[in-house]
């Protein structure tokens, strides 16, 4: 028994082209999302460093104020 040859319709050609375009878009989106994740991690680490510096400056200011008030009331 011979198999029937199925003709490739215009719809299937357009569908495969659409799938190819969508796959390219998805890979671009995934790549962009991965880059954004790296950027967010960098920003978080920078913010943590900034908070640490601010806490250190406040601590030093407290020490300077304590020493200054000690010598003022002496």
C-alpha atoms as a PDB file:
ATOM      1  CA  UNK A   1       0.000   0.000   0.000  1.00  0.00           C
ATOM      2  CA  UNK A   2       1.427   3.366  -1.007  1.00  0.00           C
ATOM      3  CA  UNK A   3       1.509   6.224   1.392  1.00  0.00           C
ATOM      4  CA  UNK A   4      -0.269   9.365   0.470  1.00  0.00           C
ATOM      5  CA  UNK A   5       1.958  12.348  -0.069  1.00  0.00           C
ATOM      6  CA  UNK A   6       0.914  15.260   2.027  1.00  0.00           C
ATOM      7  CA  UNK A   7       1.354  18.584   0.400  1.00  0.00           C
ATOM      8  CA  UNK A   8       2.849  21.335   2.478  1.00  0.00           C
ATOM      9  CA  UNK A   9       0.242  23.987   2.778  1.00  0.00           C
ATOM     10  CA  UNK A  10       0.882  27.694   2.969  1.00  0.00           C
ATOM     11  CA  UNK A  11      -0.478  27.673   6.498  1.00  0.00           C
ATOM     12  CA  UNK A  12       2.138  25.228   7.739  1.00  0.00           C
ATOM     13  CA  UNK A  13       4.904  27.263   6.096  1.00  0.00           C
ATOM     14  CA  UNK A  14       3.651  30.435   7.749  1.00  0.00           C
ATOM     15  CA  UNK A  15       3.300  28.615  11.063  1.00  0.00           C
ATOM     16  CA  UNK A  16       6.870  27.326  10.971  1.00  0.00           C
ATOM     17  CA  UNK A  17       8.121  30.821  10.115  1.00  0.00           C
ATOM     18  CA  UNK A  18       6.099  32.200  13.022  1.00  0.00           C
ATOM     19  CA  UNK A  19       7.526  29.574  15.384  1.00  0.00           C
ATOM     20  CA  UNK A  20      11.047  30.439  14.268  1.00  0.00           C
ATOM     21  CA  UNK A  21      10.462  34.158  14.893  1.00  0.00           C
ATOM     22  CA  UNK A  22       8.903  33.450  18.304  1.00  0.00           C
ATOM     23  CA  UNK A  23      11.809  31.221  19.293  1.00  0.00           C
ATOM     24  CA  UNK A  24      14.244  34.000  18.412  1.00  0.00           C
ATOM     25  CA  UNK A  25      12.230  36.513  20.433  1.00  0.00           C
ATOM     26  CA  UNK A  26      12.089  34.190  23.424  1.00  0.00           C
ATOM     27  CA  UNK A  27      15.836  33.613  23.361  1.00  0.00           C
ATOM     28  CA  UNK A  28      16.360  37.386  23.231  1.00  0.00           C
ATOM     29  CA  UNK A  29      13.989  37.890  26.169  1.00  0.00           C
ATOM     30  CA  UNK A  30      15.691  35.193  28.223  1.00  0.00           C
ATOM     31  CA  UNK A  31      19.101  36.713  27.535  1.00  0.00           C
ATOM     32  CA  UNK A  32      17.852  40.175  28.525  1.00  0.00           C
ATOM     33  CA  UNK A  33      16.276  38.854  31.737  1.00  0.00           C
ATOM     34  CA  UNK A  34      19.536  37.141  32.687  1.00  0.00           C
ATOM     35  CA  UNK A  35      21.434  40.404  32.146  1.00  0.00           C
ATOM     36  CA  UNK A  36      18.902  42.260  34.295  1.00  0.00           C
ATOM     37  CA  UNK A  37      19.352  39.716  37.094  1.00  0.00           C
ATOM     38  CA  UNK A  38      23.090  40.349  37.079  1.00  0.00           C
ATOM     39  CA  UNK A  39      22.504  44.109  37.163  1.00  0.00           C
ATOM     40  CA  UNK A  40      20.088  43.800  40.093  1.00  0.00           C
ATOM     41  CA  UNK A  41      22.618  41.712  42.037  1.00  0.00           C
ATOM     42  CA  UNK A  42      25.282  44.361  41.416  1.00  0.00           C
ATOM     43  CA  UNK A  43      22.940  47.128  42.564  1.00  0.00           C
ATOM     44  CA  UNK A  44      22.070  45.205  45.721  1.00  0.00           C
ATOM     45  CA  UNK A  45      25.717  44.768  46.623  1.00  0.00           C
ATOM     46  CA  UNK A  46      26.382  48.463  45.966  1.00  0.00           C
ATOM     47  CA  UNK A  47      23.451  49.445  48.179  1.00  0.00           C
ATOM     48  CA  UNK A  48      24.707  47.181  50.965  1.00  0.00           C
ATOM     49  CA  UNK A  49      28.126  48.813  50.773  1.00  0.00           C
ATOM     50  CA  UNK A  50      26.520  52.264  50.862  1.00  0.00           C
ATOM     51  CA  UNK A  51      24.471  51.356  53.929  1.00  0.00           C
ATOM     52  CA  UNK A  52      27.605  50.117  55.666  1.00  0.00           C
ATOM     53  CA  UNK A  53      29.438  53.346  54.921  1.00  0.00           C
ATOM     54  CA  UNK A  54      26.532  55.434  56.221  1.00  0.00           C
ATOM     55  CA  UNK A  55      26.344  53.380  59.441  1.00  0.00           C
ATOM     56  CA  UNK A  56      30.096  53.804  59.913  1.00  0.00           C
ATOM     57  CA  UNK A  57      29.871  57.584  59.448  1.00  0.00           C
ATOM     58  CA  UNK A  58      27.018  57.779  61.972  1.00  0.00           C
ATOM     59  CA  UNK A  59      29.063  55.690  64.423  1.00  0.00           C
ATOM     60  CA  UNK A  60      32.075  57.987  64.032  1.00  0.00           C
ATOM     61  CA  UNK A  61      29.847  61.029  64.510  1.00  0.00           C
ATOM     62  CA  UNK A  62      28.544  59.531  67.743  1.00  0.00           C
ATOM     63  CA  UNK A  63      32.058  58.950  69.002  1.00  0.00           C
ATOM     64  CA  UNK A  64      33.137  62.495  68.104  1.00  0.00           C
ATOM     65  CA  UNK A  65      30.038  63.908  69.820  1.00  0.00           C
ATOM     66  CA  UNK A  66      30.657  61.827  72.939  1.00  0.00           C
ATOM     67  CA  UNK A  67      34.306  62.884  73.149  1.00  0.00           C
ATOM     68  CA  UNK A  68      33.402  66.529  72.507  1.00  0.00           C
ATOM     69  CA  UNK A  69      30.734  66.551  75.195  1.00  0.00           C
ATOM     70  CA  UNK A  70      33.109  64.848  77.625  1.00  0.00           C
ATOM     71  CA  UNK A  71      35.720  67.596  77.220  1.00  0.00           C
ATOM     72  CA  UNK A  72      33.109  70.374  77.233  1.00  0.00           C
ATOM     73  CA  UNK A  73      31.621  69.419  80.620  1.00  0.00           C
ATOM     74  CA  UNK A  74      34.927  68.616  82.245  1.00  0.00           C
END
